[in-house]
Amino acid sequence: MKISFQKQDKDPTVVHGMKVAYAPAKRAAAQWRWYVVLLCVSSPLIYFVIKLLLAWLIVSAQGYVSLARIDVNSNASGIVERLHVRTGQQVTAGQTLAQLRNADLETRMALRRAEYTALHSAAGAADSPQLRLARQRARLAGENLATSKAFLKDVGFLQNQGAATVADLNLARERCNRAQMEYDQARYDLDRLQAPGRPDATDADTGAALMRVQAQMTALADEQNRLTQTAPMAGRVLDLFVVEGAFISPGSPMLLLGSADKPHVVAYLPTQHARYARQGQQATVRLADGTILAAVVRQDATLTKRLPADLSSPIGSRDIMLLVELDLAAPLPAIQWVDGLPVSVRFAFRWF
């Protein structure tokens, strides 16, 4: 008997002497299932590697469209009688923004006009015209003083309540002091004219007084013209800082105006990519509607700022970023001329 210890290969297609035909497609399907499982298992690693490569090759940053901003301040003191603009409105250079009202200027102008009228009508009269004028000046100056004292009292009350500033109180006190001086001067002139033995005024004195009053009226008219606040340039109203009925003093901010000149883009670039924040660096800007525009870095970045909350992701951190300004090579569509419009910026790759 011959014994063999070698295992004989069996035909897999024969089972107990019966031929079983396997379809080749089933074997191929089983092989592809292993590839799919392998791909699913390794997909996180593949995604992580791709993200690292893209972060190294493609540097992107968040940003926004920025219009040149100009603070428009008041050049006179008074109460905002009417606002002629609203937030978001487009204005032209010289357009009226607001109209102020100053009761002190109106009173002083009325006083000078009455003085001028009295001088003019009494220029050729012989019955002491300057005496009548002095009496009228004293009366009007007294009314102006009473009004100024009442205004000072009201502003003092508002300042104690926190509704007025110290600057407003100082302006009211200055107005009251000026009215007091004018009243004292008017009373002094009246008393001097009423003194016994004084000769009548001559025509030369009346002419000089007319010229002086005309000069004062011209100066007051210039001050009244400054009550009309106008736009220093064409642009868009970004924000309003005053409301109708509010009292403002010279230099107080009234509104924020965005220039109508060519807008630019401000991007927040991570500090590890500082080599991209150099003047002349090429980049592309992607708008919210998918429009892509070419851009170039205006100048080397010299400032850092924390990423605004509006541009950061819900789970991201607000890190310190480089502030990069870019000029658009192509015109920005007019519909996209919105200050603060979010955009994404992608910088061209550079080795150093």
Protein backbone atom coordinates (compact mmCIF):
# COMPACT_ATOMS: atom_id res chain seq x y z
CA MET A 1 0.00 0.00 0.00
CA LYS A 2 1.40 3.34 -1.06
CA ILE A 3 0.75 6.23 1.34
CA SER A 4 1.16 9.87 0.23
CA PHE A 5 1.28 12.71 2.80
CA GLN A 6 0.95 15.50 0.25
CA LYS A 7 -2.41 17.22 0.06
CA GLN A 8 -3.84 17.03 -3.34
CA ASP A 9 -5.27 20.18 -4.82
CA LYS A 10 -8.97 19.98 -5.24
CA ASP A 11 -10.91 21.65 -7.92
CA PRO A 12 -13.01 24.36 -6.16
CA THR A 13 -15.64 24.02 -8.81
CA VAL A 14 -16.32 20.33 -7.90
CA VAL A 15 -18.09 19.45 -4.67
CA HIS A 16 -18.62 15.70 -3.93
CA GLY A 17 -18.21 14.95 -7.58
CA MET A 18 -20.72 17.58 -8.67
CA LYS A 19 -19.54 20.55 -10.72
CA VAL A 20 -20.52 23.94 -9.30
CA ALA A 21 -20.08 26.94 -11.62
CA TYR A 22 -19.32 30.24 -9.84
CA ALA A 23 -20.02 33.48 -11.65
CA PRO A 24 -16.88 35.59 -12.06
CA ALA A 25 -18.86 38.76 -11.31
CA LYS A 26 -19.41 37.67 -7.74
CA ARG A 27 -15.70 37.34 -7.10
CA ALA A 28 -15.09 40.81 -8.60
CA ALA A 29 -17.81 42.34 -6.43
CA ALA A 30 -16.25 40.89 -3.32
CA GLN A 31 -12.88 42.38 -4.27
CA TRP A 32 -14.33 45.90 -4.80
CA ARG A 33 -16.06 45.73 -1.46
CA TRP A 34 -12.70 45.48 0.23
CA TYR A 35 -11.47 48.52 -1.69
CA VAL A 36 -14.53 50.51 -0.62
CA VAL A 37 -14.07 49.51 3.02
CA LEU A 38 -10.38 50.44 2.84
CA LEU A 39 -11.26 53.81 1.32
CA CYS A 40 -13.86 54.54 4.01
CA VAL A 41 -11.44 53.66 6.79
CA SER A 42 -8.63 55.77 5.37
CA SER A 43 -10.82 58.73 4.28
CA PRO A 44 -10.21 60.79 7.47
CA LEU A 45 -6.47 60.47 6.97
CA ILE A 46 -6.76 61.36 3.29
CA TYR A 47 -8.93 64.38 4.12
CA PHE A 48 -6.45 65.55 6.76
CA VAL A 49 -3.52 65.23 4.34
CA ILE A 50 -5.41 67.10 1.60
CA LYS A 51 -6.29 69.91 4.03
CA LEU A 52 -2.64 70.25 5.04
CA LEU A 53 -1.54 70.43 1.43
CA LEU A 54 -4.21 73.00 0.54
CA ALA A 55 -3.38 75.10 3.62
CA TRP A 56 0.27 75.11 2.57
CA LEU A 57 -0.38 75.78 -1.11
CA ILE A 58 -3.48 78.02 -0.89
CA VAL A 59 -3.54 80.84 1.69
CA SER A 60 -6.99 82.37 2.23
CA ALA A 61 -8.33 85.01 4.57
CA GLN A 62 -11.64 86.57 5.54
CA GLY A 63 -12.28 90.25 4.82
CA TYR A 64 -14.80 92.89 3.90
CA VAL A 65 -15.35 95.73 1.44
CA SER A 66 -14.37 99.08 2.93
CA LEU A 67 -15.28 102.58 1.81
CA ALA A 68 -13.07 105.48 2.90
CA ARG A 69 -14.77 106.82 6.03
CA ILE A 70 -14.94 110.50 6.96
CA ASP A 71 -16.43 111.90 10.17
CA VAL A 72 -18.58 114.95 9.45
CA ASN A 73 -18.53 117.28 12.46
CA SER A 74 -20.64 120.32 13.20
CA ASN A 75 -19.03 123.70 12.47
CA ALA A 76 -21.56 125.66 14.55
CA SER A 77 -23.56 125.36 17.74
CA GLY A 78 -27.30 125.04 17.86
CA ILE A 79 -30.29 122.74 17.93
CA VAL A 80 -30.76 120.25 15.10
CA GLU A 81 -33.94 121.59 13.58
CA ARG A 82 -34.10 119.13 10.70
CA LEU A 83 -32.10 116.22 9.28
CA HIS A 84 -32.17 116.01 5.49
CA VAL A 85 -30.48 112.59 5.15
CA ARG A 86 -30.93 109.07 6.44
CA THR A 87 -28.61 106.12 6.94
CA GLY A 88 -27.61 104.51 3.65
CA GLN A 89 -28.54 107.52 1.52
CA GLN A 90 -26.21 108.60 -1.29
CA VAL A 91 -25.27 112.29 -1.10
CA THR A 92 -23.37 114.67 -3.35
CA ALA A 93 -20.73 117.22 -2.46
CA GLY A 94 -22.34 120.36 -1.04
CA GLN A 95 -25.70 118.72 -0.37
CA THR A 96 -27.48 119.89 2.79
CA LEU A 97 -27.17 117.34 5.58
CA ALA A 98 -28.82 119.13 8.49
CA GLN A 99 -30.21 122.50 9.47
CA LEU A 100 -29.36 123.96 12.86
CA ARG A 101 -31.12 126.72 14.77
CA ASN A 102 -29.42 129.12 17.15
CA ALA A 103 -31.72 131.42 19.12
CA ASP A 104 -28.80 133.52 20.34
CA LEU A 105 -27.75 134.33 16.77
CA GLU A 106 -31.31 135.22 15.83
CA THR A 107 -31.61 137.59 18.78
CA ARG A 108 -28.30 139.27 18.05
CA MET A 109 -29.20 139.63 14.38
CA ALA A 110 -32.57 141.17 15.30
CA LEU A 111 -30.79 143.57 17.61
CA ARG A 112 -28.37 144.69 14.92
CA ARG A 113 -31.13 145.07 12.34
CA ALA A 114 -33.17 147.23 14.67
CA GLU A 115 -30.09 149.29 15.41
CA TYR A 116 -29.34 149.69 11.73
CA THR A 117 -32.95 150.66 10.96
CA ALA A 118 -32.97 153.25 13.71
CA LEU A 119 -29.66 154.73 12.58
CA HIS A 120 -30.71 154.80 8.96
CA SER A 121 -34.07 156.41 9.62
CA ALA A 122 -32.64 158.93 12.03
CA ALA A 123 -29.56 159.83 10.02
CA GLY A 124 -30.96 163.27 9.04
CA ALA A 125 -33.18 163.93 12.03
CA ALA A 126 -32.37 166.65 14.51
CA ASP A 127 -34.14 165.31 17.57
CA SER A 128 -31.28 163.24 19.14
CA PRO A 129 -31.42 160.05 17.00
CA GLN A 130 -28.67 158.30 18.94
CA LEU A 131 -30.65 158.70 22.15
CA ARG A 132 -33.63 156.88 20.66
CA LEU A 133 -31.28 154.24 19.28
CA ALA A 134 -29.58 153.79 22.64
CA ARG A 135 -32.94 153.28 24.34
CA GLN A 136 -33.93 150.64 21.78
CA ARG A 137 -30.56 148.91 22.10
CA ALA A 138 -30.90 148.85 25.88
CA ARG A 139 -34.38 147.35 25.62
CA LEU A 140 -33.37 144.63 23.18
CA ALA A 141 -30.20 143.89 25.12
CA GLY A 142 -32.29 143.47 28.27
CA GLU A 143 -34.59 141.00 26.51
CA ASN A 144 -31.57 139.09 25.20
CA LEU A 145 -30.07 138.95 28.69
CA ALA A 146 -33.29 137.59 30.17
CA THR A 147 -33.48 134.91 27.48
CA SER A 148 -29.82 133.93 28.01
CA LYS A 149 -30.29 133.61 31.77
CA ALA A 150 -33.32 131.39 31.29
CA PHE A 151 -31.41 129.24 28.80
CA LEU A 152 -28.47 128.92 31.24
CA LYS A 153 -30.85 127.81 33.96
CA ASP A 154 -32.40 125.16 31.68
CA VAL A 155 -29.03 123.79 30.58
CA GLY A 156 -27.88 123.65 34.20
CA PHE A 157 -30.94 121.63 35.10
CA LEU A 158 -30.34 119.25 32.16
CA GLN A 159 -26.69 118.90 33.13
CA ASN A 160 -27.66 117.89 36.67
CA GLN A 161 -30.03 115.29 35.19
CA GLY A 162 -27.28 113.92 32.90
CA ALA A 163 -29.02 115.09 29.71
CA ALA A 164 -26.44 117.78 28.89
CA THR A 165 -22.66 117.88 28.95
CA VAL A 166 -20.30 120.25 30.70
CA ALA A 167 -19.45 121.71 27.29
CA ASP A 168 -23.11 122.60 26.74
CA LEU A 169 -23.22 124.30 30.14
CA ASN A 170 -20.06 126.27 29.34
CA LEU A 171 -21.54 127.44 26.02
CA ALA A 172 -24.72 128.57 27.76
CA ARG A 173 -22.69 130.42 30.40
CA GLU A 174 -20.60 132.07 27.68
CA ARG A 175 -23.78 133.17 25.91
CA CYS A 176 -25.15 134.63 29.15
CA ASN A 177 -21.91 136.50 29.85
CA ARG A 178 -21.88 137.94 26.35
CA ALA A 179 -25.49 139.10 26.72
CA GLN A 180 -24.63 140.69 30.07
CA MET A 181 -21.74 142.60 28.51
CA GLU A 182 -23.93 143.83 25.66
CA TYR A 183 -26.59 144.94 28.11
CA ASP A 184 -24.07 146.77 30.30
CA GLN A 185 -22.61 148.49 27.23
CA ALA A 186 -26.08 149.53 26.03
CA ARG A 187 -26.97 150.91 29.45
CA TYR A 188 -23.68 152.79 29.63
CA ASP A 189 -24.26 154.35 26.20
CA LEU A 190 -27.81 155.30 27.14
CA ASP A 191 -26.75 156.88 30.43
CA ARG A 192 -23.96 158.78 28.70
CA LEU A 193 -26.36 160.14 26.08
CA GLN A 194 -28.89 161.10 28.73
CA ALA A 195 -26.30 163.04 30.73
CA PRO A 196 -27.11 166.79 30.87
CA GLY A 197 -25.08 169.15 28.70
CA ARG A 198 -24.06 166.53 26.03
CA PRO A 199 -24.16 167.89 22.45
CA ASP A 200 -26.18 166.10 19.78
CA ALA A 201 -24.51 163.49 17.60
CA THR A 202 -23.06 164.68 14.34
CA ASP A 203 -23.65 163.17 10.91
CA ALA A 204 -20.14 161.75 10.96
CA ASP A 205 -20.87 159.83 14.15
CA THR A 206 -24.08 158.44 12.63
CA GLY A 207 -22.24 157.27 9.48
CA ALA A 208 -19.56 155.52 11.52
CA ALA A 209 -22.21 153.82 13.61
CA LEU A 210 -23.97 152.61 10.45
CA MET A 211 -20.76 151.10 9.09
CA ARG A 212 -20.05 149.37 12.40
CA VAL A 213 -23.54 147.87 12.55
CA GLN A 214 -23.30 146.72 8.92
CA ALA A 215 -20.03 144.92 9.69
CA GLN A 216 -21.60 143.22 12.69
CA MET A 217 -24.61 142.15 10.62
CA THR A 218 -22.31 140.67 7.95
CA ALA A 219 -20.42 138.66 10.59
CA LEU A 220 -23.68 137.39 12.10
CA ALA A 221 -24.96 136.43 8.64
CA ASP A 222 -21.82 134.34 8.09
CA GLU A 223 -22.44 132.56 11.39
CA GLN A 224 -26.04 131.89 10.40
CA ASN A 225 -24.90 130.45 7.06
CA ARG A 226 -22.73 127.98 8.94
CA LEU A 227 -25.85 126.62 10.62
CA THR A 228 -26.58 124.82 7.33
CA GLN A 229 -24.44 121.68 7.47
CA THR A 230 -23.35 120.42 4.05
CA ALA A 231 -21.55 117.31 2.79
CA PRO A 232 -17.80 117.89 2.23
CA MET A 233 -17.75 115.28 -0.55
CA ALA A 234 -19.90 112.79 -2.40
CA GLY A 235 -20.53 109.51 -0.61
CA ARG A 236 -22.96 107.37 1.34
CA VAL A 237 -24.24 108.02 4.85
CA LEU A 238 -23.01 105.08 6.94
CA ASP A 239 -24.21 106.19 10.36
CA LEU A 240 -26.03 109.11 12.05
CA PHE A 241 -24.92 110.34 15.48
CA VAL A 242 -27.57 113.04 16.09
CA VAL A 243 -31.34 113.28 16.09
CA GLU A 244 -33.68 116.17 15.49
CA GLY A 245 -34.05 118.38 18.56
CA ALA A 246 -30.58 117.60 19.95
CA PHE A 247 -28.21 120.41 20.89
CA ILE A 248 -24.72 120.17 19.40
CA SER A 249 -21.63 122.31 19.75
CA PRO A 250 -18.85 123.04 17.25
CA GLY A 251 -16.79 119.91 16.58
CA SER A 252 -19.50 117.48 17.67
CA PRO A 253 -19.75 114.42 15.36
CA MET A 254 -22.90 114.44 13.26
CA LEU A 255 -22.59 111.50 10.89
CA LEU A 256 -20.19 109.04 9.29
CA LEU A 257 -19.78 109.42 5.54
CA GLY A 258 -18.40 106.71 3.25
CA SER A 259 -16.45 108.09 0.31
CA ALA A 260 -17.75 107.46 -3.19
CA ASP A 261 -14.20 106.90 -4.43
CA LYS A 262 -12.89 103.47 -5.43
CA PRO A 263 -13.51 101.02 -2.55
CA HIS A 264 -10.87 98.62 -1.28
CA VAL A 265 -10.81 95.33 0.62
CA VAL A 266 -9.56 94.80 4.16
CA ALA A 267 -8.48 91.22 4.93
CA TYR A 268 -7.50 89.50 8.18
CA LEU A 269 -4.48 87.29 7.45
CA PRO A 270 -3.10 84.75 9.97
CA THR A 271 0.25 85.86 11.30
CA GLN A 272 2.03 82.67 10.14
CA HIS A 273 1.44 83.81 6.56
CA ALA A 274 3.07 87.21 7.03
CA ARG A 275 5.07 86.78 3.81
CA TYR A 276 1.84 87.25 1.86
CA ALA A 277 1.19 90.66 3.45
CA ARG A 278 3.73 92.48 1.28
CA GLN A 279 3.14 95.29 -1.14
CA GLY A 280 2.39 94.04 -4.65
CA GLN A 281 1.27 90.54 -3.55
CA GLN A 282 -1.31 89.19 -6.00
CA ALA A 283 -4.63 87.88 -4.72
CA THR A 284 -8.20 87.14 -5.76
CA VAL A 285 -11.32 88.37 -4.00
CA ARG A 286 -14.48 86.30 -4.02
CA LEU A 287 -17.72 88.19 -3.42
CA ALA A 288 -20.84 86.80 -1.81
CA ASP A 289 -22.53 86.24 -5.19
CA GLY A 290 -19.55 84.22 -6.49
CA THR A 291 -17.92 87.02 -8.50
CA ILE A 292 -14.13 86.74 -8.48
CA LEU A 293 -11.99 89.88 -8.86
CA ALA A 294 -8.23 90.29 -9.03
CA ALA A 295 -6.58 92.35 -6.31
CA VAL A 296 -3.14 93.42 -5.13
CA VAL A 297 -1.84 94.26 -1.65
CA ARG A 298 -1.68 98.05 -1.28
CA GLN A 299 1.23 98.20 1.19
CA ASP A 300 3.12 96.08 3.70
CA ALA A 301 0.96 95.17 6.68
CA THR A 302 2.01 97.10 9.78
CA LEU A 303 -1.02 96.62 12.04
CA THR A 304 -2.61 93.69 13.81
CA LYS A 305 -6.19 93.36 14.99
CA ARG A 306 -8.38 90.69 16.50
CA LEU A 307 -10.64 88.94 14.01
CA PRO A 308 -14.15 90.43 14.26
CA ALA A 309 -16.88 88.21 15.61
CA ASP A 310 -18.89 88.66 12.40
CA LEU A 311 -16.09 87.05 10.35
CA SER A 312 -15.17 84.21 12.72
CA SER A 313 -16.83 80.79 12.65
CA PRO A 314 -19.19 79.78 15.49
CA ILE A 315 -16.62 77.34 16.90
CA GLY A 316 -13.51 79.25 15.86
CA SER A 317 -11.34 81.52 17.97
CA ARG A 318 -10.84 85.23 17.42
CA ASP A 319 -7.08 85.27 17.01
CA ILE A 320 -4.84 88.26 16.41
CA MET A 321 -4.53 88.77 12.63
CA LEU A 322 -2.55 90.95 10.27
CA LEU A 323 -4.61 93.76 8.78
CA VAL A 324 -4.02 93.71 5.01
CA GLU A 325 -5.46 96.30 2.61
CA LEU A 326 -5.96 95.33 -1.03
CA ASP A 327 -6.82 97.38 -4.11
CA LEU A 328 -9.17 95.81 -6.65
CA ALA A 329 -7.79 95.57 -10.17
CA ALA A 330 -11.29 95.42 -11.69
CA PRO A 331 -14.21 97.73 -10.90
CA LEU A 332 -16.46 96.55 -8.11
CA PRO A 333 -20.08 96.05 -9.26
CA ALA A 334 -22.24 98.97 -8.16
CA ILE A 335 -24.62 96.65 -6.29
CA GLN A 336 -21.69 95.47 -4.17
CA TRP A 337 -20.72 98.98 -3.01
CA VAL A 338 -21.72 98.18 0.56
CA ASP A 339 -19.43 99.07 3.44
CA GLY A 340 -18.64 95.97 5.51
CA LEU A 341 -19.75 93.47 2.83
CA PRO A 342 -18.01 90.14 3.72
CA VAL A 343 -15.64 88.66 1.11
CA SER A 344 -13.05 85.90 1.00
CA VAL A 345 -9.50 86.55 -0.19
CA ARG A 346 -7.13 83.96 -1.67
CA PHE A 347 -3.46 84.86 -2.03
CA ALA A 348 -1.22 83.62 -4.82
CA PHE A 349 1.34 81.04 -3.68
CA ARG A 350 4.87 82.22 -2.98
CA TRP A 351 7.86 80.32 -1.61
CA PHE A 352 9.27 83.12 0.55
